């Protein structure tokens, strides 16, 4: 009897499991906007590769299986890297207008705005090697492109000035290597190293080069970031207007030509806080400004 009850219980459990599974299987797909009870829709599927891709107007050779697989990896990594990707899209509304203008004025393809995303996620990051800012300049290279770096001022954190410096750097790389794709690769690995690899491997394009893992992925990562951020809805990222981060363009400018004993006092005198002073001027890295050379600085303050 107990043995019969045991088999009965097993049969009943199996039936219940099948019924529950069937009920979930028959449910309709959650609405795209609501995502069911959680509010976060998620559909996991491959990215369509059967279309043209380019970076800075230069086509990827998608008939090459190696190129397809390398791009596929970066598209999938960035498509399903949810929190970072959605923050990058939000920050783009805040910073891309200024970056796009400077790239355009200096004859650099607009696609290079995605290089700043790849380098820093549009944040004033510090790398383990000491590179800083949106464009990740090392201290030694900063002076070559007119960026002031002292114990009190670090213009690698100045959005407009560092973007202008990046333009000059990229144009020099383009002149040297003859393509924007190679310029992007050189930005990552260094011009001397890339030139050596091209010479040793007898390569003609970036896609023919066998490089270190980071640089081998770099241009594909730029293309993936471009595709996702240009068409976020196609990749499942739905950013309403109310969710976008607004540009930092509502400010007034005060010129400072002498020392500032304390930026906290300066901020209070101008009707704002130390925190907001640093938000609008992240390149001011000290609590004071000695300014022995009487240089004129433009300080931005919220209106």
C-alpha atoms as a PDB file:
ATOM      1  CA  UNK A   1       0.000   0.000   0.000  1.00  0.00           C
ATOM      2  CA  UNK A   2       2.723   2.415   0.962  1.00  0.00           C
ATOM      3  CA  UNK A   3       4.564   1.494  -2.231  1.00  0.00           C
ATOM      4  CA  UNK A   4       1.414   2.244  -4.258  1.00  0.00           C
ATOM      5  CA  UNK A   5       0.981   5.587  -2.476  1.00  0.00           C
ATOM      6  CA  UNK A   6       4.605   6.374  -3.218  1.00  0.00           C
ATOM      7  CA  UNK A   7       4.084   5.825  -6.961  1.00  0.00           C
ATOM      8  CA  UNK A   8       0.851   7.788  -6.822  1.00  0.00           C
ATOM      9  CA  UNK A   9       2.619  10.746  -5.191  1.00  0.00           C
ATOM     10  CA  UNK A  10       5.352  10.659  -7.820  1.00  0.00           C
ATOM     11  CA  UNK A  11       2.825  10.602 -10.622  1.00  0.00           C
ATOM     12  CA  UNK A  12       0.893  13.493  -9.085  1.00  0.00           C
ATOM     13  CA  UNK A  13       4.086  15.548  -8.682  1.00  0.00           C
ATOM     14  CA  UNK A  14       5.044  14.908 -12.297  1.00  0.00           C
ATOM     15  CA  UNK A  15       1.581  15.944 -13.492  1.00  0.00           C
ATOM     16  CA  UNK A  16       1.714  19.189 -11.462  1.00  0.00           C
ATOM     17  CA  UNK A  17       5.172  20.020 -12.824  1.00  0.00           C
ATOM     18  CA  UNK A  18       4.007  19.556 -16.402  1.00  0.00           C
ATOM     19  CA  UNK A  19       0.901  21.666 -15.771  1.00  0.00           C
ATOM     20  CA  UNK A  20       2.917  24.499 -14.251  1.00  0.00           C
ATOM     21  CA  UNK A  21       5.449  24.413 -17.094  1.00  0.00           C
ATOM     22  CA  UNK A  22       2.677  24.441 -19.667  1.00  0.00           C
ATOM     23  CA  UNK A  23       1.012  27.427 -18.005  1.00  0.00           C
ATOM     24  CA  UNK A  24       4.248  29.456 -18.211  1.00  0.00           C
ATOM     25  CA  UNK A  25       4.873  28.344 -21.784  1.00  0.00           C
ATOM     26  CA  UNK A  26       1.428  29.466 -22.859  1.00  0.00           C
ATOM     27  CA  UNK A  27       1.763  32.927 -21.360  1.00  0.00           C
ATOM     28  CA  UNK A  28       2.123  35.726 -23.877  1.00  0.00           C
ATOM     29  CA  UNK A  29       5.474  37.530 -24.174  1.00  0.00           C
ATOM     30  CA  UNK A  30       5.620  40.432 -21.665  1.00  0.00           C
ATOM     31  CA  UNK A  31       4.717  43.801 -23.077  1.00  0.00           C
ATOM     32  CA  UNK A  32       7.830  45.632 -24.288  1.00  0.00           C
ATOM     33  CA  UNK A  33       7.074  48.736 -22.275  1.00  0.00           C
ATOM     34  CA  UNK A  34       6.090  47.101 -18.994  1.00  0.00           C
ATOM     35  CA  UNK A  35       8.182  43.934 -18.948  1.00  0.00           C
ATOM     36  CA  UNK A  36       5.668  42.165 -16.737  1.00  0.00           C
ATOM     37  CA  UNK A  37       5.780  42.557 -12.978  1.00  0.00           C
ATOM     38  CA  UNK A  38       9.482  43.457 -12.835  1.00  0.00           C
ATOM     39  CA  UNK A  39       9.272  46.311 -15.343  1.00  0.00           C
ATOM     40  CA  UNK A  40      12.562  45.165 -16.913  1.00  0.00           C
ATOM     41  CA  UNK A  41      12.073  43.332 -20.229  1.00  0.00           C
ATOM     42  CA  UNK A  42      14.806  40.949 -21.344  1.00  0.00           C
ATOM     43  CA  UNK A  43      14.952  38.979 -24.553  1.00  0.00           C
ATOM     44  CA  UNK A  44      18.212  37.123 -25.166  1.00  0.00           C
ATOM     45  CA  UNK A  45      18.988  36.583 -28.832  1.00  0.00           C
ATOM     46  CA  UNK A  46      21.895  37.018 -31.265  1.00  0.00           C
ATOM     47  CA  UNK A  47      22.527  40.302 -33.072  1.00  0.00           C
ATOM     48  CA  UNK A  48      21.851  40.452 -36.805  1.00  0.00           C
ATOM     49  CA  UNK A  49      25.157  40.594 -38.688  1.00  0.00           C
ATOM     50  CA  UNK A  50      23.709  40.410 -42.198  1.00  0.00           C
ATOM     51  CA  UNK A  51      24.048  44.112 -42.953  1.00  0.00           C
ATOM     52  CA  UNK A  52      26.861  46.587 -43.607  1.00  0.00           C
ATOM     53  CA  UNK A  53      28.912  48.042 -40.769  1.00  0.00           C
ATOM     54  CA  UNK A  54      31.411  50.867 -40.869  1.00  0.00           C
ATOM     55  CA  UNK A  55      33.550  53.065 -38.676  1.00  0.00           C
ATOM     56  CA  UNK A  56      34.310  56.668 -39.703  1.00  0.00           C
ATOM     57  CA  UNK A  57      33.062  55.868 -43.201  1.00  0.00           C
ATOM     58  CA  UNK A  58      35.344  52.846 -43.614  1.00  0.00           C
ATOM     59  CA  UNK A  59      33.490  49.591 -44.268  1.00  0.00           C
ATOM     60  CA  UNK A  60      34.148  46.408 -42.316  1.00  0.00           C
ATOM     61  CA  UNK A  61      34.851  43.395 -44.570  1.00  0.00           C
ATOM     62  CA  UNK A  62      31.859  41.384 -43.390  1.00  0.00           C
ATOM     63  CA  UNK A  63      32.537  38.624 -45.909  1.00  0.00           C
ATOM     64  CA  UNK A  64      35.476  37.616 -43.690  1.00  0.00           C
ATOM     65  CA  UNK A  65      34.311  35.065 -41.091  1.00  0.00           C
ATOM     66  CA  UNK A  66      36.954  36.240 -38.605  1.00  0.00           C
ATOM     67  CA  UNK A  67      35.711  39.822 -38.827  1.00  0.00           C
ATOM     68  CA  UNK A  68      32.096  38.686 -38.360  1.00  0.00           C
ATOM     69  CA  UNK A  69      32.940  36.666 -35.263  1.00  0.00           C
ATOM     70  CA  UNK A  70      35.025  39.426 -33.683  1.00  0.00           C
ATOM     71  CA  UNK A  71      32.265  41.976 -34.252  1.00  0.00           C
ATOM     72  CA  UNK A  72      29.648  39.522 -33.001  1.00  0.00           C
ATOM     73  CA  UNK A  73      31.515  39.203 -29.708  1.00  0.00           C
ATOM     74  CA  UNK A  74      31.594  42.955 -29.081  1.00  0.00           C
ATOM     75  CA  UNK A  75      27.972  43.464 -30.112  1.00  0.00           C
ATOM     76  CA  UNK A  76      26.825  40.754 -27.714  1.00  0.00           C
ATOM     77  CA  UNK A  77      29.041  41.909 -24.843  1.00  0.00           C
ATOM     78  CA  UNK A  78      27.805  45.496 -25.089  1.00  0.00           C
ATOM     79  CA  UNK A  79      24.176  44.614 -25.842  1.00  0.00           C
ATOM     80  CA  UNK A  80      23.896  42.546 -22.670  1.00  0.00           C
ATOM     81  CA  UNK A  81      26.118  44.741 -20.501  1.00  0.00           C
ATOM     82  CA  UNK A  82      22.952  46.398 -19.319  1.00  0.00           C
ATOM     83  CA  UNK A  83      23.803  48.908 -16.597  1.00  0.00           C
ATOM     84  CA  UNK A  84      26.926  50.274 -18.295  1.00  0.00           C
ATOM     85  CA  UNK A  85      25.287  50.545 -21.705  1.00  0.00           C
ATOM     86  CA  UNK A  86      22.173  52.332 -20.437  1.00  0.00           C
ATOM     87  CA  UNK A  87      24.312  54.787 -18.453  1.00  0.00           C
ATOM     88  CA  UNK A  88      26.424  55.448 -21.549  1.00  0.00           C
ATOM     89  CA  UNK A  89      23.275  56.237 -23.533  1.00  0.00           C
ATOM     90  CA  UNK A  90      22.022  58.587 -20.821  1.00  0.00           C
ATOM     91  CA  UNK A  91      25.389  60.348 -20.556  1.00  0.00           C
ATOM     92  CA  UNK A  92      25.531  60.770 -24.324  1.00  0.00           C
ATOM     93  CA  UNK A  93      22.709  63.300 -24.156  1.00  0.00           C
ATOM     94  CA  UNK A  94      24.768  65.240 -21.639  1.00  0.00           C
ATOM     95  CA  UNK A  95      28.155  65.251 -23.374  1.00  0.00           C
ATOM     96  CA  UNK A  96      27.796  64.364 -27.061  1.00  0.00           C
ATOM     97  CA  UNK A  97      26.573  67.807 -28.194  1.00  0.00           C
ATOM     98  CA  UNK A  98      29.862  69.444 -27.150  1.00  0.00           C
ATOM     99  CA  UNK A  99      32.009  66.542 -28.395  1.00  0.00           C
ATOM    100  CA  UNK A 100      30.238  66.383 -31.776  1.00  0.00           C
ATOM    101  CA  UNK A 101      30.688  70.117 -32.324  1.00  0.00           C
ATOM    102  CA  UNK A 102      34.432  69.999 -31.636  1.00  0.00           C
ATOM    103  CA  UNK A 103      34.980  66.906 -33.804  1.00  0.00           C
ATOM    104  CA  UNK A 104      33.077  68.563 -36.655  1.00  0.00           C
ATOM    105  CA  UNK A 105      34.966  71.849 -36.352  1.00  0.00           C
ATOM    106  CA  UNK A 106      38.292  70.004 -36.468  1.00  0.00           C
ATOM    107  CA  UNK A 107      37.608  67.653 -39.365  1.00  0.00           C
ATOM    108  CA  UNK A 108      37.472  64.454 -37.330  1.00  0.00           C
ATOM    109  CA  UNK A 109      34.685  61.958 -38.142  1.00  0.00           C
ATOM    110  CA  UNK A 110      31.817  62.078 -35.682  1.00  0.00           C
ATOM    111  CA  UNK A 111      32.166  58.348 -35.003  1.00  0.00           C
ATOM    112  CA  UNK A 112      35.142  59.154 -32.791  1.00  0.00           C
ATOM    113  CA  UNK A 113      32.745  60.296 -30.086  1.00  0.00           C
ATOM    114  CA  UNK A 114      32.344  56.581 -29.404  1.00  0.00           C
ATOM    115  CA  UNK A 115      36.052  56.371 -28.669  1.00  0.00           C
ATOM    116  CA  UNK A 116      35.416  58.509 -25.578  1.00  0.00           C
ATOM    117  CA  UNK A 117      32.736  56.006 -24.563  1.00  0.00           C
ATOM    118  CA  UNK A 118      35.130  53.087 -24.994  1.00  0.00           C
ATOM    119  CA  UNK A 119      37.927  54.861 -23.147  1.00  0.00           C
ATOM    120  CA  UNK A 120      36.032  56.195 -20.148  1.00  0.00           C
ATOM    121  CA  UNK A 121      32.267  55.550 -20.408  1.00  0.00           C
ATOM    122  CA  UNK A 122      31.985  59.358 -20.676  1.00  0.00           C
ATOM    123  CA  UNK A 123      33.352  59.801 -17.173  1.00  0.00           C
ATOM    124  CA  UNK A 124      36.489  61.429 -15.816  1.00  0.00           C
ATOM    125  CA  UNK A 125      38.087  58.099 -15.057  1.00  0.00           C
ATOM    126  CA  UNK A 126      41.641  57.289 -13.928  1.00  0.00           C
ATOM    127  CA  UNK A 127      43.249  54.193 -15.441  1.00  0.00           C
ATOM    128  CA  UNK A 128      45.665  51.932 -13.521  1.00  0.00           C
ATOM    129  CA  UNK A 129      48.441  53.403 -15.683  1.00  0.00           C
ATOM    130  CA  UNK A 130      47.482  56.965 -14.729  1.00  0.00           C
ATOM    131  CA  UNK A 131      45.624  58.047 -17.882  1.00  0.00           C
ATOM    132  CA  UNK A 132      42.831  60.484 -17.047  1.00  0.00           C
ATOM    133  CA  UNK A 133      39.698  62.086 -18.371  1.00  0.00           C
ATOM    134  CA  UNK A 134      37.210  61.239 -21.095  1.00  0.00           C
ATOM    135  CA  UNK A 135      40.000  60.693 -23.622  1.00  0.00           C
ATOM    136  CA  UNK A 136      42.441  59.016 -21.219  1.00  0.00           C
ATOM    137  CA  UNK A 137      45.538  61.153 -21.804  1.00  0.00           C
ATOM    138  CA  UNK A 138      48.721  60.262 -19.981  1.00  0.00           C
ATOM    139  CA  UNK A 139      50.401  63.133 -18.152  1.00  0.00           C
ATOM    140  CA  UNK A 140      53.470  63.033 -20.402  1.00  0.00           C
ATOM    141  CA  UNK A 141      51.451  63.490 -23.577  1.00  0.00           C
ATOM    142  CA  UNK A 142      49.212  66.232 -22.199  1.00  0.00           C
ATOM    143  CA  UNK A 143      51.663  69.084 -22.682  1.00  0.00           C
ATOM    144  CA  UNK A 144      52.195  68.131 -26.329  1.00  0.00           C
ATOM    145  CA  UNK A 145      48.568  69.007 -26.984  1.00  0.00           C
ATOM    146  CA  UNK A 146      48.287  72.126 -24.850  1.00  0.00           C
ATOM    147  CA  UNK A 147      46.720  70.627 -21.737  1.00  0.00           C
ATOM    148  CA  UNK A 148      47.854  72.104 -18.430  1.00  0.00           C
ATOM    149  CA  UNK A 149      48.524  69.525 -15.719  1.00  0.00           C
ATOM    150  CA  UNK A 150      49.646  70.691 -12.265  1.00  0.00           C
ATOM    151  CA  UNK A 151      48.803  69.876  -8.665  1.00  0.00           C
ATOM    152  CA  UNK A 152      45.904  72.344  -8.866  1.00  0.00           C
ATOM    153  CA  UNK A 153      44.724  72.180 -12.476  1.00  0.00           C
ATOM    154  CA  UNK A 154      44.341  69.116 -14.701  1.00  0.00           C
ATOM    155  CA  UNK A 155      42.867  69.975 -18.090  1.00  0.00           C
ATOM    156  CA  UNK A 156      42.626  66.311 -19.037  1.00  0.00           C
ATOM    157  CA  UNK A 157      39.348  66.678 -17.101  1.00  0.00           C
ATOM    158  CA  UNK A 158      38.285  69.710 -19.178  1.00  0.00           C
ATOM    159  CA  UNK A 159      35.784  68.341 -21.697  1.00  0.00           C
ATOM    160  CA  UNK A 160      36.279  70.892 -24.462  1.00  0.00           C
ATOM    161  CA  UNK A 161      40.054  71.257 -24.151  1.00  0.00           C
ATOM    162  CA  UNK A 162      40.713  67.526 -23.885  1.00  0.00           C
ATOM    163  CA  UNK A 163      38.417  66.843 -26.870  1.00  0.00           C
ATOM    164  CA  UNK A 164      40.345  69.404 -28.910  1.00  0.00           C
ATOM    165  CA  UNK A 165      43.591  67.696 -27.868  1.00  0.00           C
ATOM    166  CA  UNK A 166      42.160  64.311 -28.905  1.00  0.00           C
ATOM    167  CA  UNK A 167      41.294  65.769 -32.319  1.00  0.00           C
ATOM    168  CA  UNK A 168      44.873  66.901 -32.879  1.00  0.00           C
ATOM    169  CA  UNK A 169      46.193  63.538 -31.746  1.00  0.00           C
ATOM    170  CA  UNK A 170      43.813  61.585 -34.008  1.00  0.00           C
ATOM    171  CA  UNK A 171      44.512  63.745 -37.053  1.00  0.00           C
ATOM    172  CA  UNK A 172      48.223  63.109 -36.584  1.00  0.00           C
ATOM    173  CA  UNK A 173      47.603  59.356 -36.401  1.00  0.00           C
ATOM    174  CA  UNK A 174      45.436  59.526 -39.528  1.00  0.00           C
ATOM    175  CA  UNK A 175      48.174  61.326 -41.446  1.00  0.00           C
ATOM    176  CA  UNK A 176      50.679  58.686 -40.372  1.00  0.00           C
ATOM    177  CA  UNK A 177      48.635  55.527 -41.012  1.00  0.00           C
ATOM    178  CA  UNK A 178      46.303  56.642 -43.807  1.00  0.00           C
ATOM    179  CA  UNK A 179      43.001  55.445 -42.361  1.00  0.00           C
ATOM    180  CA  UNK A 180      40.732  56.326 -39.466  1.00  0.00           C
ATOM    181  CA  UNK A 181      40.459  52.677 -38.486  1.00  0.00           C
ATOM    182  CA  UNK A 182      44.237  52.453 -38.074  1.00  0.00           C
ATOM    183  CA  UNK A 183      44.194  55.780 -36.228  1.00  0.00           C
ATOM    184  CA  UNK A 184      41.733  54.328 -33.705  1.00  0.00           C
ATOM    185  CA  UNK A 185      43.921  51.235 -33.247  1.00  0.00           C
ATOM    186  CA  UNK A 186      47.014  53.415 -32.769  1.00  0.00           C
ATOM    187  CA  UNK A 187      45.160  55.503 -30.187  1.00  0.00           C
ATOM    188  CA  UNK A 188      44.750  52.325 -28.165  1.00  0.00           C
ATOM    189  CA  UNK A 189      48.097  50.585 -28.575  1.00  0.00           C
ATOM    190  CA  UNK A 190      50.464  53.455 -29.462  1.00  0.00           C
ATOM    191  CA  UNK A 191      51.717  54.640 -32.835  1.00  0.00           C
ATOM    192  CA  UNK A 192      55.195  53.102 -32.595  1.00  0.00           C
ATOM    193  CA  UNK A 193      53.887  49.697 -31.613  1.00  0.00           C
ATOM    194  CA  UNK A 194      51.265  49.651 -34.358  1.00  0.00           C
ATOM    195  CA  UNK A 195      53.816  50.710 -36.983  1.00  0.00           C
ATOM    196  CA  UNK A 196      56.105  47.883 -35.883  1.00  0.00           C
ATOM    197  CA  UNK A 197      53.291  45.327 -36.110  1.00  0.00           C
ATOM    198  CA  UNK A 198      52.293  46.541 -39.581  1.00  0.00           C
ATOM    199  CA  UNK A 199      55.876  46.237 -40.769  1.00  0.00           C
ATOM    200  CA  UNK A 200      56.508  42.808 -39.258  1.00  0.00           C
ATOM    201  CA  UNK A 201      53.205  41.307 -40.402  1.00  0.00           C
ATOM    202  CA  UNK A 202      53.168  42.982 -43.846  1.00  0.00           C
ATOM    203  CA  UNK A 203      49.582  43.972 -43.130  1.00  0.00           C
ATOM    204  CA  UNK A 204      47.599  46.514 -45.127  1.00  0.00           C
ATOM    205  CA  UNK A 205      44.507  46.966 -42.921  1.00  0.00           C
ATOM    206  CA  UNK A 206      43.589  46.745 -39.265  1.00  0.00           C
ATOM    207  CA  UNK A 207      41.554  43.620 -39.976  1.00  0.00           C
ATOM    208  CA  UNK A 208      44.666  41.827 -41.291  1.00  0.00           C
ATOM    209  CA  UNK A 209      46.665  42.470 -38.131  1.00  0.00           C
ATOM    210  CA  UNK A 210      47.193  39.970 -35.336  1.00  0.00           C
ATOM    211  CA  UNK A 211      47.415  42.253 -32.306  1.00  0.00           C
ATOM    212  CA  UNK A 212      47.233  42.030 -28.537  1.00  0.00           C
ATOM    213  CA  UNK A 213      43.792  41.097 -27.221  1.00  0.00           C
ATOM    214  CA  UNK A 214      42.738  44.616 -26.230  1.00  0.00           C
ATOM    215  CA  UNK A 215      43.704  46.290 -29.507  1.00  0.00           C
ATOM    216  CA  UNK A 216      42.420  43.362 -31.559  1.00  0.00           C
ATOM    217  CA  UNK A 217      38.991  43.979 -30.016  1.00  0.00           C
ATOM    218  CA  UNK A 218      39.188  47.771 -29.908  1.00  0.00           C
ATOM    219  CA  UNK A 219      37.789  48.866 -33.281  1.00  0.00           C
ATOM    220  CA  UNK A 220      35.098  46.180 -33.115  1.00  0.00           C
ATOM    221  CA  UNK A 221      34.133  47.529 -29.709  1.00  0.00           C
ATOM    222  CA  UNK A 222      33.838  51.032 -31.186  1.00  0.00           C
ATOM    223  CA  UNK A 223      31.594  49.728 -33.962  1.00  0.00           C
ATOM    224  CA  UNK A 224      29.441  47.832 -31.461  1.00  0.00           C
ATOM    225  CA  UNK A 225      29.087  50.888 -29.203  1.00  0.00           C
ATOM    226  CA  UNK A 226      28.184  52.991 -32.235  1.00  0.00           C
ATOM    227  CA  UNK A 227      25.512  50.544 -33.391  1.00  0.00           C
ATOM    228  CA  UNK A 228      23.877  50.255 -29.975  1.00  0.00           C
ATOM    229  CA  UNK A 229      23.991  53.932 -29.060  1.00  0.00           C
ATOM    230  CA  UNK A 230      22.812  55.033 -32.506  1.00  0.00           C
ATOM    231  CA  UNK A 231      19.848  52.664 -32.445  1.00  0.00           C
ATOM    232  CA  UNK A 232      19.151  51.872 -28.781  1.00  0.00           C
ATOM    233  CA  UNK A 233      15.560  50.716 -29.377  1.00  0.00           C
ATOM    234  CA  UNK A 234      16.798  48.035 -31.776  1.00  0.00           C
ATOM    235  CA  UNK A 235      18.878  46.575 -28.953  1.00  0.00           C
ATOM    236  CA  UNK A 236      16.228  46.757 -26.235  1.00  0.00           C
ATOM    237  CA  UNK A 237      17.257  50.035 -24.585  1.00  0.00           C
ATOM    238  CA  UNK A 238      14.282  52.368 -24.273  1.00  0.00           C
ATOM    239  CA  UNK A 239      15.278  55.791 -22.948  1.00  0.00           C
ATOM    240  CA  UNK A 240      12.443  58.278 -22.570  1.00  0.00           C
ATOM    241  CA  UNK A 241      13.084  62.003 -22.767  1.00  0.00           C
ATOM    242  CA  UNK A 242      12.545  62.283 -19.029  1.00  0.00           C
ATOM    243  CA  UNK A 243      15.330  59.729 -18.432  1.00  0.00           C
ATOM    244  CA  UNK A 244      18.030  61.543 -20.417  1.00  0.00           C
ATOM    245  CA  UNK A 245      20.766  63.448 -18.606  1.00  0.00           C
ATOM    246  CA  UNK A 246      20.582  67.121 -19.662  1.00  0.00           C
ATOM    247  CA  UNK A 247      23.644  68.921 -21.108  1.00  0.00           C
ATOM    248  CA  UNK A 248      25.707  71.081 -18.764  1.00  0.00           C
ATOM    249  CA  UNK A 249      24.983  74.198 -20.796  1.00  0.00           C
ATOM    250  CA  UNK A 250      23.070  76.336 -18.306  1.00  0.00           C
ATOM    251  CA  UNK A 251      25.980  78.214 -16.769  1.00  0.00           C
ATOM    252  CA  UNK A 252      27.638  81.605 -16.487  1.00  0.00           C
ATOM    253  CA  UNK A 253      31.379  82.247 -16.794  1.00  0.00           C
ATOM    254  CA  UNK A 254      33.584  84.129 -14.353  1.00  0.00           C
ATOM    255  CA  UNK A 255      37.183  84.966 -15.261  1.00  0.00           C
ATOM    256  CA  UNK A 256      39.845  84.425 -12.612  1.00  0.00           C
ATOM    257  CA  UNK A 257      43.293  85.956 -13.181  1.00  0.00           C
ATOM    258  CA  UNK A 258      44.750  85.732  -9.718  1.00  0.00           C
ATOM    259  CA  UNK A 259      44.977  83.294  -6.819  1.00  0.00           C
ATOM    260  CA  UNK A 260      41.960  81.760  -5.096  1.00  0.00           C
ATOM    261  CA  UNK A 261      42.607  80.923  -1.453  1.00  0.00           C
ATOM    262  CA  UNK A 262      39.661  78.549  -1.148  1.00  0.00           C
ATOM    263  CA  UNK A 263      37.251  77.375  -3.832  1.00  0.00           C
ATOM    264  CA  UNK A 264      34.589  76.741  -1.189  1.00  0.00           C
ATOM    265  CA  UNK A 265      34.585  80.434  -0.280  1.00  0.00           C
ATOM    266  CA  UNK A 266      34.651  81.364  -3.960  1.00  0.00           C
ATOM    267  CA  UNK A 267      31.613  79.160  -4.610  1.00  0.00           C
ATOM    268  CA  UNK A 268      29.629  80.632  -1.722  1.00  0.00           C
ATOM    269  CA  UNK A 269      30.467  84.166  -2.872  1.00  0.00           C
ATOM    270  CA  UNK A 270      28.957  83.297  -6.262  1.00  0.00           C
ATOM    271  CA  UNK A 271      25.810  81.690  -4.881  1.00  0.00           C
ATOM    272  CA  UNK A 272      26.668  78.036  -5.363  1.00  0.00           C
ATOM    273  CA  UNK A 273      28.349  75.136  -3.554  1.00  0.00           C
ATOM    274  CA  UNK A 274      31.810  73.622  -3.724  1.00  0.00           C
ATOM    275  CA  UNK A 275      30.254  70.453  -5.132  1.00  0.00           C
ATOM    276  CA  UNK A 276      28.533  72.271  -8.000  1.00  0.00           C
ATOM    277  CA  UNK A 277      31.685  74.259  -8.726  1.00  0.00           C
ATOM    278  CA  UNK A 278      33.539  70.965  -9.216  1.00  0.00           C
ATOM    279  CA  UNK A 279      30.700  69.449 -11.276  1.00  0.00           C
ATOM    280  CA  UNK A 280      30.972  72.322 -13.767  1.00  0.00           C
ATOM    281  CA  UNK A 281      34.790  72.538 -13.509  1.00  0.00           C
ATOM    282  CA  UNK A 282      36.172  69.035 -12.818  1.00  0.00           C
ATOM    283  CA  UNK A 283      39.597  70.188 -14.041  1.00  0.00           C
ATOM    284  CA  UNK A 284      40.019  72.180 -10.803  1.00  0.00           C
ATOM    285  CA  UNK A 285      41.565  69.375  -8.755  1.00  0.00           C
ATOM    286  CA  UNK A 286      42.600  71.272  -5.631  1.00  0.00           C
ATOM    287  CA  UNK A 287      40.739  73.271  -3.005  1.00  0.00           C
ATOM    288  CA  UNK A 288      42.723  76.372  -4.020  1.00  0.00           C
ATOM    289  CA  UNK A 289      44.434  78.066  -6.970  1.00  0.00           C
ATOM    290  CA  UNK A 290      47.893  79.547  -6.477  1.00  0.00           C
ATOM    291  CA  UNK A 291      48.198  80.918 -10.042  1.00  0.00           C
ATOM    292  CA  UNK A 292      51.690  82.385  -9.748  1.00  0.00           C
ATOM    293  CA  UNK A 293      51.733  83.137 -13.488  1.00  0.00           C
ATOM    294  CA  UNK A 294      48.531  85.216 -13.331  1.00  0.00           C
ATOM    295  CA  UNK A 295      46.920  83.059 -16.013  1.00  0.00           C
ATOM    296  CA  UNK A 296      43.287  83.788 -16.837  1.00  0.00           C
ATOM    297  CA  UNK A 297      40.928  80.882 -16.233  1.00  0.00           C
ATOM    298  CA  UNK A 298      37.267  80.708 -17.212  1.00  0.00           C
ATOM    299  CA  UNK A 299      35.262  79.279 -14.315  1.00  0.00           C
ATOM    300  CA  UNK A 300      31.785  77.989 -15.040  1.00  0.00           C
ATOM    301  CA  UNK A 301      29.070  78.468 -12.439  1.00  0.00           C
ATOM    302  CA  UNK A 302      25.465  77.281 -12.538  1.00  0.00           C
ATOM    303  CA  UNK A 303      22.976  80.046 -13.225  1.00  0.00           C
END
